Amino acid sequence: VESGRQGALMAPTETLAEQHLATIDGLLGGTL
């Protein structure tokens, strides 16, 4: 993202993907 590009995180289940999203949102604090 810092380089103006994109990133994707793929998880095998919806539950795990939702957990990753919650963790990432929490760490970013709404900045991105």
PDB file of all heavy atoms in Angstrom:
ATOM      1  N   VAL A   1       0.838  -1.207   0.000  1.00  0.00           N
ATOM      2  CA  VAL A   1       0.000   0.000   0.000  1.00  0.00           C
ATOM      3  C   VAL A   1       0.870   1.254   0.000  1.00  0.00           C
ATOM      4  O   VAL A   1       0.596   2.215  -0.717  1.00  0.00           O
ATOM      5  CB  VAL A   1      -0.954  -0.002   1.218  1.00  0.00           C
ATOM      6  CG1 VAL A   1      -1.714   1.310   1.324  1.00  0.00           C
ATOM      7  CG2 VAL A   1      -1.914  -1.175   1.116  1.00  0.00           C
ATOM      8  N   GLU A   2       1.934   1.217   0.791  1.00  0.00           N
ATOM      9  CA  GLU A   2       2.866   2.346   0.863  1.00  0.00           C
ATOM     10  C   GLU A   2       3.456   2.663  -0.516  1.00  0.00           C
ATOM     11  O   GLU A   2       3.758   3.815  -0.820  1.00  0.00           O
ATOM     12  CB  GLU A   2       3.981   1.970   1.850  1.00  0.00           C
ATOM     13  CG  GLU A   2       5.063   2.984   2.039  1.00  0.00           C
ATOM     14  CD  GLU A   2       6.111   2.463   3.009  1.00  0.00           C
ATOM     15  OE1 GLU A   2       6.792   1.461   2.694  1.00  0.00           O
ATOM     16  OE2 GLU A   2       6.229   3.055   4.089  1.00  0.00           O
ATOM     17  N   SER A   3       3.559   1.648  -1.352  1.00  0.00           N
ATOM     18  CA  SER A   3       4.110   1.811  -2.701  1.00  0.00           C
ATOM     19  C   SER A   3       3.025   2.101  -3.733  1.00  0.00           C
ATOM     20  O   SER A   3       3.280   2.052  -4.939  1.00  0.00           O
ATOM     21  CB  SER A   3       4.859   0.546  -3.111  1.00  0.00           C
ATOM     22  OG  SER A   3       5.913   0.296  -2.220  1.00  0.00           O
ATOM     23  N   GLY A   4       1.801   2.334  -3.261  1.00  0.00           N
ATOM     24  CA  GLY A   4       0.711   2.637  -4.185  1.00  0.00           C
ATOM     25  C   GLY A   4       0.120   1.410  -4.855  1.00  0.00           C
ATOM     26  O   GLY A   4      -0.549   1.525  -5.890  1.00  0.00           O
ATOM     27  N   ARG A   5       0.352   0.245  -4.287  1.00  0.00           N
ATOM     28  CA  ARG A   5      -0.133  -0.996  -4.885  1.00  0.00           C
ATOM     29  C   ARG A   5      -1.177  -1.629  -3.971  1.00  0.00           C
ATOM     30  O   ARG A   5      -1.635  -1.011  -3.026  1.00  0.00           O
ATOM     31  CB  ARG A   5       1.059  -1.933  -5.124  1.00  0.00           C
ATOM     32  CG  ARG A   5       2.227  -1.189  -5.743  1.00  0.00           C
ATOM     33  CD  ARG A   5       2.789  -1.491  -7.077  1.00  0.00           C
ATOM     34  NE  ARG A   5       2.572  -2.675  -7.759  1.00  0.00           N
ATOM     35  CZ  ARG A   5       3.502  -3.593  -7.998  1.00  0.00           C
ATOM     36  NH1 ARG A   5       4.706  -3.471  -7.494  1.00  0.00           N
ATOM     37  NH2 ARG A   5       3.223  -4.631  -8.731  1.00  0.00           N
ATOM     38  N   GLN A   6      -1.548  -2.872  -4.238  1.00  0.00           N
ATOM     39  CA  GLN A   6      -2.605  -3.530  -3.477  1.00  0.00           C
ATOM     40  C   GLN A   6      -2.109  -4.810  -2.822  1.00  0.00           C
ATOM     41  O   GLN A   6      -1.154  -5.437  -3.286  1.00  0.00           O
ATOM     42  CB  GLN A   6      -3.770  -3.875  -4.412  1.00  0.00           C
ATOM     43  CG  GLN A   6      -4.498  -2.656  -4.950  1.00  0.00           C
ATOM     44  CD  GLN A   6      -5.493  -3.039  -6.021  1.00  0.00           C
ATOM     45  OE1 GLN A   6      -5.121  -3.575  -7.059  1.00  0.00           O
ATOM     46  NE2 GLN A   6      -6.774  -2.760  -5.763  1.00  0.00           N
ATOM     47  N   GLY A   7      -2.823  -5.209  -1.754  1.00  0.00           N
ATOM     48  CA  GLY A   7      -2.522  -6.439  -1.052  1.00  0.00           C
ATOM     49  C   GLY A   7      -3.791  -7.214  -0.745  1.00  0.00           C
ATOM     50  O   GLY A   7      -4.862  -6.616  -0.562  1.00  0.00           O
ATOM     51  N   ALA A   8      -3.670  -8.541  -0.691  1.00  0.00           N
ATOM     52  CA  ALA A   8      -4.809  -9.409  -0.403  1.00  0.00           C
ATOM     53  C   ALA A   8      -4.383 -10.489   0.578  1.00  0.00           C
ATOM     54  O   ALA A   8      -3.293 -11.052   0.459  1.00  0.00           O
ATOM     55  CB  ALA A   8      -5.320 -10.058  -1.685  1.00  0.00           C
ATOM     56  N   LEU A   9      -5.269 -10.761   1.546  1.00  0.00           N
ATOM     57  CA  LEU A   9      -5.051 -11.850   2.488  1.00  0.00           C
ATOM     58  C   LEU A   9      -6.176 -12.855   2.281  1.00  0.00           C
ATOM     59  O   LEU A   9      -7.348 -12.495   2.381  1.00  0.00           O
ATOM     60  CB  LEU A   9      -5.058 -11.331   3.930  1.00  0.00           C
ATOM     61  CG  LEU A   9      -4.640 -12.334   5.000  1.00  0.00           C
ATOM     62  CD1 LEU A   9      -4.103 -11.606   6.220  1.00  0.00           C
ATOM     63  CD2 LEU A   9      -5.748 -13.262   5.414  1.00  0.00           C
ATOM     64  N   MET A  10      -5.824 -14.098   1.967  1.00  0.00           N
ATOM     65  CA  MET A  10      -6.811 -15.143   1.731  1.00  0.00           C
ATOM     66  C   MET A  10      -6.755 -16.177   2.847  1.00  0.00           C
ATOM     67  O   MET A  10      -5.688 -16.689   3.180  1.00  0.00           O
ATOM     68  CB  MET A  10      -6.544 -15.837   0.376  1.00  0.00           C
ATOM     69  CG  MET A  10      -7.608 -16.839  -0.013  1.00  0.00           C
ATOM     70  SD  MET A  10      -7.504 -17.404  -1.739  1.00  0.00           S
ATOM     71  CE  MET A  10      -5.986 -18.367  -1.736  1.00  0.00           C
ATOM     72  N   ALA A  11      -7.924 -16.465   3.419  1.00  0.00           N
ATOM     73  CA  ALA A  11      -8.055 -17.450   4.492  1.00  0.00           C
ATOM     74  C   ALA A  11      -9.026 -18.539   4.039  1.00  0.00           C
ATOM     75  O   ALA A  11      -9.895 -18.288   3.197  1.00  0.00           O
ATOM     76  CB  ALA A  11      -8.570 -16.771   5.761  1.00  0.00           C
ATOM     77  N   PRO A  12      -8.922 -19.745   4.582  1.00  0.00           N
ATOM     78  CA  PRO A  12      -9.736 -20.856   4.089  1.00  0.00           C
ATOM     79  C   PRO A  12     -11.203 -20.847   4.531  1.00  0.00           C
ATOM     80  O   PRO A  12     -12.011 -21.540   3.941  1.00  0.00           O
ATOM     81  CB  PRO A  12      -9.020 -22.092   4.620  1.00  0.00           C
ATOM     82  CG  PRO A  12      -8.300 -21.612   5.834  1.00  0.00           C
ATOM     83  CD  PRO A  12      -7.917 -20.191   5.539  1.00  0.00           C
ATOM     84  N   THR A  13     -11.552 -20.078   5.556  1.00  0.00           N
ATOM     85  CA  THR A  13     -12.939 -20.055   6.032  1.00  0.00           C
ATOM     86  C   THR A  13     -13.390 -18.623   6.252  1.00  0.00           C
ATOM     87  O   THR A  13     -12.574 -17.731   6.487  1.00  0.00           O
ATOM     88  CB  THR A  13     -13.101 -20.824   7.363  1.00  0.00           C
ATOM     89  OG1 THR A  13     -12.384 -20.117   8.388  1.00  0.00           O
ATOM     90  CG2 THR A  13     -12.606 -22.263   7.246  1.00  0.00           C
ATOM     91  N   GLU A  14     -14.700 -18.420   6.189  1.00  0.00           N
ATOM     92  CA  GLU A  14     -15.250 -17.087   6.444  1.00  0.00           C
ATOM     93  C   GLU A  14     -14.944 -16.637   7.860  1.00  0.00           C
ATOM     94  O   GLU A  14     -14.617 -15.467   8.091  1.00  0.00           O
ATOM     95  CB  GLU A  14     -16.761 -17.072   6.189  1.00  0.00           C
ATOM     96  CG  GLU A  14     -17.097 -17.101   4.724  1.00  0.00           C
ATOM     97  CD  GLU A  14     -18.556 -16.781   4.435  1.00  0.00           C
ATOM     98  OE1 GLU A  14     -19.176 -16.019   5.211  1.00  0.00           O
ATOM     99  OE2 GLU A  14     -19.062 -17.286   3.424  1.00  0.00           O
ATOM    100  N   THR A  15     -15.051 -17.557   8.806  1.00  0.00           N
ATOM    101  CA  THR A  15     -14.793 -17.200  10.204  1.00  0.00           C
ATOM    102  C   THR A  15     -13.371 -16.682  10.371  1.00  0.00           C
ATOM    103  O   THR A  15     -13.155 -15.644  11.014  1.00  0.00           O
ATOM    104  CB  THR A  15     -15.030 -18.415  11.125  1.00  0.00           C
ATOM    105  OG1 THR A  15     -16.392 -18.831  10.971  1.00  0.00           O
ATOM    106  CG2 THR A  15     -14.750 -18.080  12.571  1.00  0.00           C
ATOM    107  N   LEU A  16     -12.401 -17.369   9.800  1.00  0.00           N
ATOM    108  CA  LEU A  16     -11.013 -16.936   9.914  1.00  0.00           C
ATOM    109  C   LEU A  16     -10.792 -15.619   9.168  1.00  0.00           C
ATOM    110  O   LEU A  16     -10.085 -14.728   9.664  1.00  0.00           O
ATOM    111  CB  LEU A  16     -10.062 -18.018   9.402  1.00  0.00           C
ATOM    112  CG  LEU A  16      -8.577 -17.759   9.601  1.00  0.00           C
ATOM    113  CD1 LEU A  16      -8.250 -17.446  11.060  1.00  0.00           C
ATOM    114  CD2 LEU A  16      -7.769 -18.961   9.125  1.00  0.00           C
ATOM    115  N   ALA A  17     -11.395 -15.470   8.004  1.00  0.00           N
ATOM    116  CA  ALA A  17     -11.274 -14.210   7.262  1.00  0.00           C
ATOM    117  C   ALA A  17     -11.850 -13.055   8.085  1.00  0.00           C
ATOM    118  O   ALA A  17     -11.258 -11.973   8.154  1.00  0.00           O
ATOM    119  CB  ALA A  17     -11.976 -14.321   5.916  1.00  0.00           C
ATOM    120  N   GLU A  18     -12.999 -13.274   8.719  1.00  0.00           N
ATOM    121  CA  GLU A  18     -13.611 -12.241   9.566  1.00  0.00           C
ATOM    122  C   GLU A  18     -12.703 -11.903  10.746  1.00  0.00           C
ATOM    123  O   GLU A  18     -12.574 -10.732  11.122  1.00  0.00           O
ATOM    124  CB  GLU A  18     -14.982 -12.700  10.054  1.00  0.00           C
ATOM    125  CG  GLU A  18     -16.018 -12.747   8.959  1.00  0.00           C
ATOM    126  CD  GLU A  18     -17.286 -13.496   9.352  1.00  0.00           C
ATOM    127  OE1 GLU A  18     -17.359 -14.048  10.478  1.00  0.00           O
ATOM    128  OE2 GLU A  18     -18.217 -13.526   8.521  1.00  0.00           O
ATOM    129  N   GLN A  19     -12.065 -12.920  11.335  1.00  0.00           N
ATOM    130  CA  GLN A  19     -11.140 -12.673  12.447  1.00  0.00           C
ATOM    131  C   GLN A  19      -9.954 -11.836  11.980  1.00  0.00           C
ATOM    132  O   GLN A  19      -9.528 -10.905  12.673  1.00  0.00           O
ATOM    133  CB  GLN A  19     -10.652 -13.998  13.035  1.00  0.00           C
ATOM    134  CG  GLN A  19     -11.700 -14.736  13.820  1.00  0.00           C
ATOM    135  CD  GLN A  19     -11.232 -16.127  14.251  1.00  0.00           C
ATOM    136  OE1 GLN A  19     -10.204 -16.636  13.803  1.00  0.00           O
ATOM    137  NE2 GLN A  19     -12.001 -16.742  15.136  1.00  0.00           N
ATOM    138  N   HIS A  20      -9.417 -12.167  10.815  1.00  0.00           N
ATOM    139  CA  HIS A  20      -8.296 -11.387  10.275  1.00  0.00           C
ATOM    140  C   HIS A  20      -8.722  -9.943  10.027  1.00  0.00           C
ATOM    141  O   HIS A  20      -7.976  -9.009  10.345  1.00  0.00           O
ATOM    142  CB  HIS A  20      -7.767 -11.998   8.981  1.00  0.00           C
ATOM    143  CG  HIS A  20      -6.852 -13.148   9.192  1.00  0.00           C
ATOM    144  ND1 HIS A  20      -5.716 -13.088   9.969  1.00  0.00           N
ATOM    145  CD2 HIS A  20      -6.890 -14.414   8.710  1.00  0.00           C
ATOM    146  CE1 HIS A  20      -5.105 -14.250   9.971  1.00  0.00           C
ATOM    147  NE2 HIS A  20      -5.804 -15.081   9.217  1.00  0.00           N
ATOM    148  N   LEU A  21      -9.905  -9.756   9.450  1.00  0.00           N
ATOM    149  CA  LEU A  21     -10.390  -8.405   9.196  1.00  0.00           C
ATOM    150  C   LEU A  21     -10.509  -7.623  10.505  1.00  0.00           C
ATOM    151  O   LEU A  21     -10.069  -6.472  10.582  1.00  0.00           O
ATOM    152  CB  LEU A  21     -11.736  -8.438   8.475  1.00  0.00           C
ATOM    153  CG  LEU A  21     -12.332  -7.062   8.172  1.00  0.00           C
ATOM    154  CD1 LEU A  21     -11.491  -6.328   7.136  1.00  0.00           C
ATOM    155  CD2 LEU A  21     -13.762  -7.191   7.708  1.00  0.00           C
ATOM    156  N   ALA A  22     -11.075  -8.237  11.526  1.00  0.00           N
ATOM    157  CA  ALA A  22     -11.234  -7.561  12.818  1.00  0.00           C
ATOM    158  C   ALA A  22      -9.870  -7.198  13.408  1.00  0.00           C
ATOM    159  O   ALA A  22      -9.680  -6.086  13.924  1.00  0.00           O
ATOM    160  CB  ALA A  22     -12.020  -8.447  13.782  1.00  0.00           C
ATOM    161  N   THR A  23      -8.919  -8.111  13.326  1.00  0.00           N
ATOM    162  CA  THR A  23      -7.573  -7.850  13.851  1.00  0.00           C
ATOM    163  C   THR A  23      -6.911  -6.714  13.093  1.00  0.00           C
ATOM    164  O   THR A  23      -6.353  -5.780  13.689  1.00  0.00           O
ATOM    165  CB  THR A  23      -6.699  -9.118  13.766  1.00  0.00           C
ATOM    166  OG1 THR A  23      -7.308 -10.145  14.550  1.00  0.00           O
ATOM    167  CG2 THR A  23      -5.284  -8.856  14.259  1.00  0.00           C
ATOM    168  N   ILE A  24      -6.982  -6.772  11.765  1.00  0.00           N
ATOM    169  CA  ILE A  24      -6.351  -5.742  10.934  1.00  0.00           C
ATOM    170  C   ILE A  24      -7.016  -4.391  11.158  1.00  0.00           C
ATOM    171  O   ILE A  24      -6.339  -3.371  11.320  1.00  0.00           O
ATOM    172  CB  ILE A  24      -6.367  -6.169   9.452  1.00  0.00           C
ATOM    173  CG1 ILE A  24      -5.381  -7.332   9.253  1.00  0.00           C
ATOM    174  CG2 ILE A  24      -6.038  -5.002   8.533  1.00  0.00           C
ATOM    175  CD1 ILE A  24      -5.471  -7.999   7.895  1.00  0.00           C
ATOM    176  N   ASP A  25      -8.348  -4.363  11.181  1.00  0.00           N
ATOM    177  CA  ASP A  25      -9.059  -3.109  11.457  1.00  0.00           C
ATOM    178  C   ASP A  25      -8.640  -2.538  12.800  1.00  0.00           C
ATOM    179  O   ASP A  25      -8.419  -1.335  12.936  1.00  0.00           O
ATOM    180  CB  ASP A  25     -10.576  -3.334  11.445  1.00  0.00           C
ATOM    181  CG  ASP A  25     -11.189  -3.157  10.069  1.00  0.00           C
ATOM    182  OD1 ASP A  25     -10.554  -2.531   9.196  1.00  0.00           O
ATOM    183  OD2 ASP A  25     -12.313  -3.652   9.864  1.00  0.00           O
ATOM    184  N   GLY A  26      -8.526  -3.420  13.803  1.00  0.00           N
ATOM    185  CA  GLY A  26      -8.118  -2.972  15.130  1.00  0.00           C
ATOM    186  C   GLY A  26      -6.707  -2.396  15.140  1.00  0.00           C
ATOM    187  O   GLY A  26      -6.447  -1.376  15.775  1.00  0.00           O
ATOM    188  N   LEU A  27      -5.807  -3.040  14.426  1.00  0.00           N
ATOM    189  CA  LEU A  27      -4.425  -2.566  14.381  1.00  0.00           C
ATOM    190  C   LEU A  27      -4.298  -1.261  13.595  1.00  0.00           C
ATOM    191  O   LEU A  27      -3.491  -0.404  13.943  1.00  0.00           O
ATOM    192  CB  LEU A  27      -3.516  -3.636  13.767  1.00  0.00           C
ATOM    193  CG  LEU A  27      -3.295  -4.882  14.624  1.00  0.00           C
ATOM    194  CD1 LEU A  27      -2.614  -5.983  13.817  1.00  0.00           C
ATOM    195  CD2 LEU A  27      -2.482  -4.550  15.868  1.00  0.00           C
ATOM    196  N   LEU A  28      -5.098  -1.120  12.546  1.00  0.00           N
ATOM    197  CA  LEU A  28      -5.023   0.087  11.716  1.00  0.00           C
ATOM    198  C   LEU A  28      -5.797   1.253  12.320  1.00  0.00           C
ATOM    199  O   LEU A  28      -5.566   2.407  11.948  1.00  0.00           O
ATOM    200  CB  LEU A  28      -5.544  -0.199  10.305  1.00  0.00           C
ATOM    201  CG  LEU A  28      -4.701  -1.150   9.463  1.00  0.00           C
ATOM    202  CD1 LEU A  28      -5.374  -1.406   8.130  1.00  0.00           C
ATOM    203  CD2 LEU A  28      -3.301  -0.581   9.260  1.00  0.00           C
ATOM    204  N   GLY A  29      -6.730   0.953  13.202  1.00  0.00           N
ATOM    205  CA  GLY A  29      -7.501   2.009  13.851  1.00  0.00           C
ATOM    206  C   GLY A  29      -8.275   2.892  12.890  1.00  0.00           C
ATOM    207  O   GLY A  29      -8.422   4.089  13.130  1.00  0.00           O
ATOM    208  N   GLY A  30      -8.732   2.323  11.783  1.00  0.00           N
ATOM    209  CA  GLY A  30      -9.534   3.079  10.831  1.00  0.00           C
ATOM    210  C   GLY A  30      -8.740   3.980   9.904  1.00  0.00           C
ATOM    211  O   GLY A  30      -9.326   4.780   9.165  1.00  0.00           O
ATOM    212  N   THR A  31      -7.415   3.876   9.918  1.00  0.00           N
ATOM    213  CA  THR A  31      -6.594   4.753   9.078  1.00  0.00           C
ATOM    214  C   THR A  31      -6.579   4.349   7.606  1.00  0.00           C
ATOM    215  O   THR A  31      -6.209   5.148   6.759  1.00  0.00           O
ATOM    216  CB  THR A  31      -5.135   4.792   9.573  1.00  0.00           C
ATOM    217  OG1 THR A  31      -4.604   3.454   9.548  1.00  0.00           O
ATOM    218  CG2 THR A  31      -5.048   5.357  10.980  1.00  0.00           C
ATOM    219  N   LEU A  32      -6.998   3.126   7.316  1.00  0.00           N
ATOM    220  CA  LEU A  32      -6.981   2.623   5.945  1.00  0.00           C
ATOM    221  C   LEU A  32      -8.155   1.675   5.755  1.00  0.00           C
ATOM    222  O   LEU A  32      -8.350   0.772   6.574  1.00  0.00           O
ATOM    223  CB  LEU A  32      -5.659   1.875   5.700  1.00  0.00           C
ATOM    224  CG  LEU A  32      -5.374   1.364   4.313  1.00  0.00           C
ATOM    225  CD1 LEU A  32      -5.130   2.525   3.344  1.00  0.00           C
ATOM    226  CD2 LEU A  32      -4.146   0.458   4.330  1.00  0.00           C
TER     227      LEU A  32
END
